[in-house]
PDB file of N, CA and C in Angstrom:
ATOM      1  N   MET A   1      53.893 144.502  31.301  1.00  0.00           N
ATOM      2  CA  MET A   1      54.605 145.270  30.315  1.00  0.00           C
ATOM      3  C   MET A   1      53.683 146.360  29.773  1.00  0.00           C
ATOM      4  N   ASN A   2      53.619 147.446  30.504  1.00  0.00           N
ATOM      5  CA  ASN A   2      52.753 148.555  30.149  1.00  0.00           C
ATOM      6  C   ASN A   2      53.596 149.717  29.639  1.00  0.00           C
ATOM      7  N   VAL A   3      53.847 149.718  28.343  1.00  0.00           N
ATOM      8  CA  VAL A   3      54.688 150.750  27.738  1.00  0.00           C
ATOM      9  C   VAL A   3      53.780 151.700  26.964  1.00  0.00           C
ATOM     10  N   GLN A   4      53.870 152.968  27.307  1.00  0.00           N
ATOM     11  CA  GLN A   4      53.076 153.955  26.591  1.00  0.00           C
ATOM     12  C   GLN A   4      53.905 154.541  25.457  1.00  0.00           C
ATOM     13  N   LYS A   5      53.323 154.535  24.277  1.00  0.00           N
ATOM     14  CA  LYS A   5      53.991 155.133  23.133  1.00  0.00           C
ATOM     15  C   LYS A   5      53.492 156.561  22.974  1.00  0.00           C
ATOM     16  N   GLU A   6      54.398 157.421  22.576  1.00  0.00           N
ATOM     17  CA  GLU A   6      53.994 158.789  22.296  1.00  0.00           C
ATOM     18  C   GLU A   6      53.290 158.805  20.943  1.00  0.00           C
ATOM     19  N   SER A   7      52.141 159.382  20.903  1.00  0.00           N
ATOM     20  CA  SER A   7      51.366 159.423  19.675  1.00  0.00           C
ATOM     21  C   SER A   7      52.000 160.393  18.686  1.00  0.00           C
ATOM     22  N   ILE A   8      52.105 159.962  17.441  1.00  0.00           N
ATOM     23  CA  ILE A   8      52.639 160.868  16.427  1.00  0.00           C
ATOM     24  C   ILE A   8      51.590 161.891  15.999  1.00  0.00           C
ATOM     25  N   LEU A   9      50.336 161.626  16.339  1.00  0.00           N
ATOM     26  CA  LEU A   9      49.287 162.576  16.002  1.00  0.00           C
ATOM     27  C   LEU A   9      49.190 163.711  17.012  1.00  0.00           C
ATOM     28  N   ALA A  10      49.651 163.488  18.213  1.00  0.00           N
ATOM     29  CA  ALA A  10      49.532 164.483  19.273  1.00  0.00           C
ATOM     30  C   ALA A  10      50.882 165.123  19.580  1.00  0.00           C
ATOM     31  N   THR A  11      51.609 165.522  18.543  1.00  0.00           N
ATOM     32  CA  THR A  11      52.876 166.206  18.762  1.00  0.00           C
ATOM     33  C   THR A  11      52.596 167.618  19.272  1.00  0.00           C
ATOM     34  N   PRO A  12      53.536 168.226  19.963  1.00  0.00           N
ATOM     35  CA  PRO A  12      53.284 169.546  20.561  1.00  0.00           C
ATOM     36  C   PRO A  12      52.885 170.618  19.544  1.00  0.00           C
ATOM     37  N   TRP A  13      53.521 170.644  18.385  1.00  0.00           N
ATOM     38  CA  TRP A  13      53.186 171.686  17.412  1.00  0.00           C
ATOM     39  C   TRP A  13      51.785 171.478  16.838  1.00  0.00           C
ATOM     40  N   ARG A  14      51.346 170.226  16.705  1.00  0.00           N
ATOM     41  CA  ARG A  14      49.993 169.975  16.210  1.00  0.00           C
ATOM     42  C   ARG A  14      48.946 170.367  17.250  1.00  0.00           C
ATOM     43  N   LEU A  15      49.238 170.103  18.505  1.00  0.00           N
ATOM     44  CA  LEU A  15      48.308 170.498  19.565  1.00  0.00           C
ATOM     45  C   LEU A  15      48.184 172.019  19.645  1.00  0.00           C
ATOM     46  N   GLU A  16      49.281 172.723  19.418  1.00  0.00           N
ATOM     47  CA  GLU A  16      49.243 174.189  19.427  1.00  0.00           C
ATOM     48  C   GLU A  16      48.418 174.722  18.257  1.00  0.00           C
ATOM     49  N   VAL A  17      48.550 174.092  17.095  1.00  0.00           N
ATOM     50  CA  VAL A  17      47.748 174.497  15.938  1.00  0.00           C
ATOM     51  C   VAL A  17      46.275 174.245  16.204  1.00  0.00           C
ATOM     52  N   LEU A  18      45.957 173.118  16.831  1.00  0.00           N
ATOM     53  CA  LEU A  18      44.555 172.816  17.139  1.00  0.00           C
ATOM     54  C   LEU A  18      43.967 173.797  18.139  1.00  0.00           C
ATOM     55  N   ARG A  19      44.790 174.272  19.080  1.00  0.00           N
ATOM     56  CA  ARG A  19      44.303 175.256  20.047  1.00  0.00           C
ATOM     57  C   ARG A  19      43.966 176.577  19.373  1.00  0.00           C
ATOM     58  N   ARG A  20      44.690 176.894  18.315  1.00  0.00           N
ATOM     59  CA  ARG A  20      44.491 178.151  17.601  1.00  0.00           C
ATOM     60  C   ARG A  20      43.901 177.919  16.207  1.00  0.00           C
ATOM     61  N   LEU A  21      43.057 176.921  16.081  1.00  0.00           N
ATOM     62  CA  LEU A  21      42.537 176.533  14.773  1.00  0.00           C
ATOM     63  C   LEU A  21      41.741 177.644  14.105  1.00  0.00           C
ATOM     64  N   ASP A  22      41.003 178.424  14.874  1.00  0.00           N
ATOM     65  CA  ASP A  22      40.239 179.501  14.271  1.00  0.00           C
ATOM     66  C   ASP A  22      41.145 180.532  13.603  1.00  0.00           C
ATOM     67  N   VAL A  23      42.245 180.889  14.262  1.00  0.00           N
ATOM     68  CA  VAL A  23      43.186 181.851  13.685  1.00  0.00           C
ATOM     69  C   VAL A  23      43.902 181.237  12.488  1.00  0.00           C
ATOM     70  N   VAL A  24      44.261 179.972  12.590  1.00  0.00           N
ATOM     71  CA  VAL A  24      44.947 179.294  11.489  1.00  0.00           C
ATOM     72  C   VAL A  24      44.073 179.273  10.243  1.00  0.00           C
ATOM     73  N   LEU A  25      42.793 178.989  10.408  1.00  0.00           N
ATOM     74  CA  LEU A  25      41.893 178.950   9.257  1.00  0.00           C
ATOM     75  C   LEU A  25      41.675 180.335   8.667  1.00  0.00           C
ATOM     76  N   ILE A  26      41.635 181.370   9.487  1.00  0.00           N
ATOM     77  CA  ILE A  26      41.486 182.731   8.992  1.00  0.00           C
ATOM     78  C   ILE A  26      42.709 183.127   8.168  1.00  0.00           C
ATOM     79  N   VAL A  27      43.888 182.817   8.651  1.00  0.00           N
ATOM     80  CA  VAL A  27      45.111 183.130   7.907  1.00  0.00           C
ATOM     81  C   VAL A  27      45.173 182.321   6.617  1.00  0.00           C
ATOM     82  N   PHE A  28      44.735 181.063   6.677  1.00  0.00           N
ATOM     83  CA  PHE A  28      44.723 180.216   5.487  1.00  0.00           C
ATOM     84  C   PHE A  28      43.798 180.785   4.417  1.00  0.00           C
ATOM     85  N   GLU A  29      42.627 181.283   4.818  1.00  0.00           N
ATOM     86  CA  GLU A  29      41.720 181.918   3.860  1.00  0.00           C
ATOM     87  C   GLU A  29      42.352 183.156   3.239  1.00  0.00           C
ATOM     88  N   LEU A  30      43.059 183.933   4.031  1.00  0.00           N
ATOM     89  CA  LEU A  30      43.713 185.124   3.513  1.00  0.00           C
ATOM     90  C   LEU A  30      44.782 184.764   2.488  1.00  0.00           C
ATOM     91  N   VAL A  31      45.594 183.777   2.810  1.00  0.00           N
ATOM     92  CA  VAL A  31      46.661 183.358   1.895  1.00  0.00           C
ATOM     93  C   VAL A  31      46.073 182.798   0.607  1.00  0.00           C
ATOM     94  N   LEU A  32      45.040 181.970   0.725  1.00  0.00           N
ATOM     95  CA  LEU A  32      44.416 181.409  -0.475  1.00  0.00           C
ATOM     96  C   LEU A  32      43.781 182.491  -1.336  1.00  0.00           C
ATOM     97  N   SER A  33      43.118 183.459  -0.730  1.00  0.00           N
ATOM     98  CA  SER A  33      42.493 184.509  -1.523  1.00  0.00           C
ATOM     99  C   SER A  33      43.547 185.339  -2.245  1.00  0.00           C
ATOM    100  N   ALA A  34      44.646 185.641  -1.566  1.00  0.00           N
ATOM    101  CA  ALA A  34      45.725 186.390  -2.219  1.00  0.00           C
ATOM    102  C   ALA A  34      46.333 185.584  -3.360  1.00  0.00           C
ATOM    103  N   ALA A  35      46.499 184.285  -3.157  1.00  0.00           N
ATOM    104  CA  ALA A  35      47.074 183.440  -4.206  1.00  0.00           C
ATOM    105  C   ALA A  35      46.164 183.389  -5.435  1.00  0.00           C
ATOM    106  N   PHE A  36      44.857 183.226  -5.223  1.00  0.00           N
ATOM    107  CA  PHE A  36      43.940 183.172  -6.360  1.00  0.00           C
ATOM    108  C   PHE A  36      43.825 184.522  -7.058  1.00  0.00           C
ATOM    109  N   LEU A  37      43.839 185.605  -6.303  1.00  0.00           N
ATOM    110  CA  LEU A  37      43.798 186.920  -6.937  1.00  0.00           C
ATOM    111  C   LEU A  37      45.060 187.173  -7.751  1.00  0.00           C
ATOM    112  N   PHE A  38      46.202 186.792  -7.217  1.00  0.00           N
ATOM    113  CA  PHE A  38      47.463 186.944  -7.946  1.00  0.00           C
ATOM    114  C   PHE A  38      47.469 186.068  -9.199  1.00  0.00           C
ATOM    115  N   LEU A  39      46.963 184.862  -9.072  1.00  0.00           N
ATOM    116  CA  LEU A  39      46.877 183.956 -10.217  1.00  0.00           C
ATOM    117  C   LEU A  39      45.935 184.505 -11.285  1.00  0.00           C
ATOM    118  N   SER A  40      44.870 185.153 -10.858  1.00  0.00           N
ATOM    119  CA  SER A  40      43.940 185.729 -11.834  1.00  0.00           C
ATOM    120  C   SER A  40      44.576 186.898 -12.578  1.00  0.00           C
ATOM    121  N   ILE A  41      45.437 187.644 -11.895  1.00  0.00           N
ATOM    122  CA  ILE A  41      46.132 188.738 -12.561  1.00  0.00           C
ATOM    123  C   ILE A  41      47.118 188.188 -13.584  1.00  0.00           C
ATOM    124  N   LEU A  42      47.826 187.124 -13.215  1.00  0.00           N
ATOM    125  CA  LEU A  42      48.807 186.539 -14.130  1.00  0.00           C
ATOM    126  C   LEU A  42      48.168 185.900 -15.358  1.00  0.00           C
ATOM    127  N   THR A  43      47.067 185.190 -15.151  1.00  0.00           N
ATOM    128  CA  THR A  43      46.463 184.441 -16.255  1.00  0.00           C
ATOM    129  C   THR A  43      45.326 185.193 -16.936  1.00  0.00           C
ATOM    130  N   GLY A  44      44.750 186.175 -16.273  1.00  0.00           N
ATOM    131  CA  GLY A  44      43.600 186.877 -16.820  1.00  0.00           C
ATOM    132  C   GLY A  44      42.324 186.054 -16.777  1.00  0.00           C
ATOM    133  N   ASN A  45      42.320 185.003 -15.991  1.00  0.00           N
ATOM    134  CA  ASN A  45      41.185 184.095 -15.899  1.00  0.00           C
ATOM    135  C   ASN A  45      40.151 184.651 -14.915  1.00  0.00           C
ATOM    136  N   PRO A  46      38.925 184.913 -15.384  1.00  0.00           N
ATOM    137  CA  PRO A  46      37.904 185.458 -14.463  1.00  0.00           C
ATOM    138  C   PRO A  46      37.463 184.446 -13.396  1.00  0.00           C
ATOM    139  N   TYR A  47      37.624 183.145 -13.669  1.00  0.00           N
ATOM    140  CA  TYR A  47      37.265 182.133 -12.678  1.00  0.00           C
ATOM    141  C   TYR A  47      38.143 182.284 -11.433  1.00  0.00           C
ATOM    142  N   PHE A  48      39.447 182.423 -11.629  1.00  0.00           N
ATOM    143  CA  PHE A  48      40.357 182.584 -10.496  1.00  0.00           C
ATOM    144  C   PHE A  48      40.059 183.876  -9.734  1.00  0.00           C
ATOM    145  N   ARG A  49      39.680 184.931 -10.457  1.00  0.00           N
ATOM    146  CA  ARG A  49      39.339 186.195  -9.797  1.00  0.00           C
ATOM    147  C   ARG A  49      38.097 186.006  -8.926  1.00  0.00           C
ATOM    148  N   GLY A  50      37.119 185.278  -9.443  1.00  0.00           N
ATOM    149  CA  GLY A  50      35.902 185.037  -8.663  1.00  0.00           C
ATOM    150  C   GLY A  50      36.166 184.220  -7.412  1.00  0.00           C
ATOM    151  N   VAL A  51      37.011 183.206  -7.546  1.00  0.00           N
ATOM    152  CA  VAL A  51      37.368 182.395  -6.379  1.00  0.00           C
ATOM    153  C   VAL A  51      38.127 183.237  -5.359  1.00  0.00           C
ATOM    154  N   GLY A  52      39.041 184.071  -5.839  1.00  0.00           N
ATOM    155  CA  GLY A  52      39.802 184.941  -4.940  1.00  0.00           C
ATOM    156  C   GLY A  52      38.925 185.927  -4.210  1.00  0.00           C
ATOM    157  N   ILE A  53      37.953 186.514  -4.925  1.00  0.00           N
ATOM    158  CA  ILE A  53      37.042 187.465  -4.289  1.00  0.00           C
ATOM    159  C   ILE A  53      36.141 186.745  -3.290  1.00  0.00           C
ATOM    160  N   GLY A  54      35.670 185.567  -3.654  1.00  0.00           N
ATOM    161  CA  GLY A  54      34.851 184.790  -2.722  1.00  0.00           C
ATOM    162  C   GLY A  54      35.605 184.435  -1.450  1.00  0.00           C
ATOM    163  N   LEU A  55      36.860 184.056  -1.605  1.00  0.00           N
ATOM    164  CA  LEU A  55      37.676 183.746  -0.423  1.00  0.00           C
ATOM    165  C   LEU A  55      37.968 184.999   0.395  1.00  0.00           C
ATOM    166  N   ALA A  56      38.132 186.131  -0.261  1.00  0.00           N
ATOM    167  CA  ALA A  56      38.353 187.383   0.475  1.00  0.00           C
ATOM    168  C   ALA A  56      37.115 187.745   1.292  1.00  0.00           C
ATOM    169  N   ILE A  57      35.928 187.545   0.713  1.00  0.00           N
ATOM    170  CA  ILE A  57      34.689 187.797   1.456  1.00  0.00           C
ATOM    171  C   ILE A  57      34.582 186.847   2.643  1.00  0.00           C
ATOM    172  N   ALA A  58      34.931 185.579   2.431  1.00  0.00           N
ATOM    173  CA  ALA A  58      34.909 184.600   3.530  1.00  0.00           C
ATOM    174  C   ALA A  58      35.908 184.990   4.609  1.00  0.00           C
ATOM    175  N   TRP A  59      37.070 185.507   4.195  1.00  0.00           N
ATOM    176  CA  TRP A  59      38.091 185.925   5.159  1.00  0.00           C
ATOM    177  C   TRP A  59      37.578 187.069   6.025  1.00  0.00           C
ATOM    178  N   VAL A  60      36.962 188.062   5.401  1.00  0.00           N
ATOM    179  CA  VAL A  60      36.441 189.201   6.161  1.00  0.00           C
ATOM    180  C   VAL A  60      35.354 188.736   7.125  1.00  0.00           C
ATOM    181  N   THR A  61      34.470 187.878   6.654  1.00  0.00           N
ATOM    182  CA  THR A  61      33.396 187.370   7.510  1.00  0.00           C
ATOM    183  C   THR A  61      33.956 186.594   8.693  1.00  0.00           C
ATOM    184  N   SER A  62      34.929 185.735   8.439  1.00  0.00           N
ATOM    185  CA  SER A  62      35.548 184.956   9.518  1.00  0.00           C
ATOM    186  C   SER A  62      36.264 185.849  10.516  1.00  0.00           C
ATOM    187  N   THR A  63      36.936 186.878  10.018  1.00  0.00           N
ATOM    188  CA  THR A  63      37.662 187.784  10.900  1.00  0.00           C
ATOM    189  C   THR A  63      36.700 188.553  11.802  1.00  0.00           C
ATOM    190  N   VAL A  64      35.612 189.051  11.225  1.00  0.00           N
ATOM    191  CA  VAL A  64      34.624 189.773  12.028  1.00  0.00           C
ATOM    192  C   VAL A  64      34.020 188.847  13.086  1.00  0.00           C
ATOM    193  N   ALA A  65      33.682 187.624  12.697  1.00  0.00           N
ATOM    194  CA  ALA A  65      33.118 186.668  13.658  1.00  0.00           C
ATOM    195  C   ALA A  65      34.115 186.352  14.767  1.00  0.00           C
ATOM    196  N   TYR A  66      35.383 186.190  14.407  1.00  0.00           N
ATOM    197  CA  TYR A  66      36.410 185.899  15.410  1.00  0.00           C
ATOM    198  C   TYR A  66      36.560 187.066  16.382  1.00  0.00           C
ATOM    199  N   LEU A  67      36.549 188.303  15.866  1.00  0.00           N
ATOM    200  CA  LEU A  67      36.687 189.466  16.743  1.00  0.00           C
ATOM    201  C   LEU A  67      35.491 189.613  17.678  1.00  0.00           C
ATOM    202  N   PHE A  68      34.282 189.345  17.179  1.00  0.00           N
ATOM    203  CA  PHE A  68      33.110 189.376  18.050  1.00  0.00           C
ATOM    204  C   PHE A  68      33.192 188.284  19.112  1.00  0.00           C
ATOM    205  N   LYS A  69      33.680 187.114  18.729  1.00  0.00           N
ATOM    206  CA  LYS A  69      33.811 186.018  19.696  1.00  0.00           C
ATOM    207  C   LYS A  69      34.793 186.388  20.803  1.00  0.00           C
ATOM    208  N   ARG A  70      35.906 186.994  20.412  1.00  0.00           N
ATOM    209  CA  ARG A  70      36.890 187.409  21.423  1.00  0.00           C
ATOM    210  C   ARG A  70      36.328 188.492  22.328  1.00  0.00           C
ATOM    211  N   LYS A  71      35.571 189.429  21.737  1.00  0.00           N
ATOM    212  CA  LYS A  71      34.986 190.505  22.536  1.00  0.00           C
ATOM    213  C   LYS A  71      33.986 189.944  23.537  1.00  0.00           C
ATOM    214  N   LEU A  72      33.161 188.990  23.088  1.00  0.00           N
ATOM    215  CA  LEU A  72      32.184 188.396  23.998  1.00  0.00           C
ATOM    216  C   LEU A  72      32.853 187.550  25.070  1.00  0.00           C
ATOM    217  N   ALA A  73      33.965 186.920  24.747  1.00  0.00           N
ATOM    218  CA  ALA A  73      34.664 186.083  25.727  1.00  0.00           C
ATOM    219  C   ALA A  73      35.301 186.947  26.821  1.00  0.00           C
ATOM    220  N   LYS A  74      35.709 188.168  26.466  1.00  0.00           N
ATOM    221  CA  LYS A  74      36.336 189.042  27.454  1.00  0.00           C
ATOM    222  C   LYS A  74      35.317 189.645  28.416  1.00  0.00           C
ATOM    223  N   SER A  75      34.094 189.825  27.958  1.00  0.00           N
ATOM    224  CA  SER A  75      33.096 190.473  28.829  1.00  0.00           C
ATOM    225  C   SER A  75      32.277 189.466  29.611  1.00  0.00           C
TER     226      SER A  75
END
């Protein structure tokens, strides 16, 4: 009785996200930075502005690294 169960952890959409994890994390940083910057505008809290700016810097750094990685992979 050898029955294979389909893993709920290895669903097709999760595997696709894992294949593109670098892009997913870059987009996530962008969304988080925009959310914190918007929250800082609404509340006037300098802490939220600092977090938003820090995430924006991380987003730019990640994007540049990703573009260099793609360029090196093509050559």
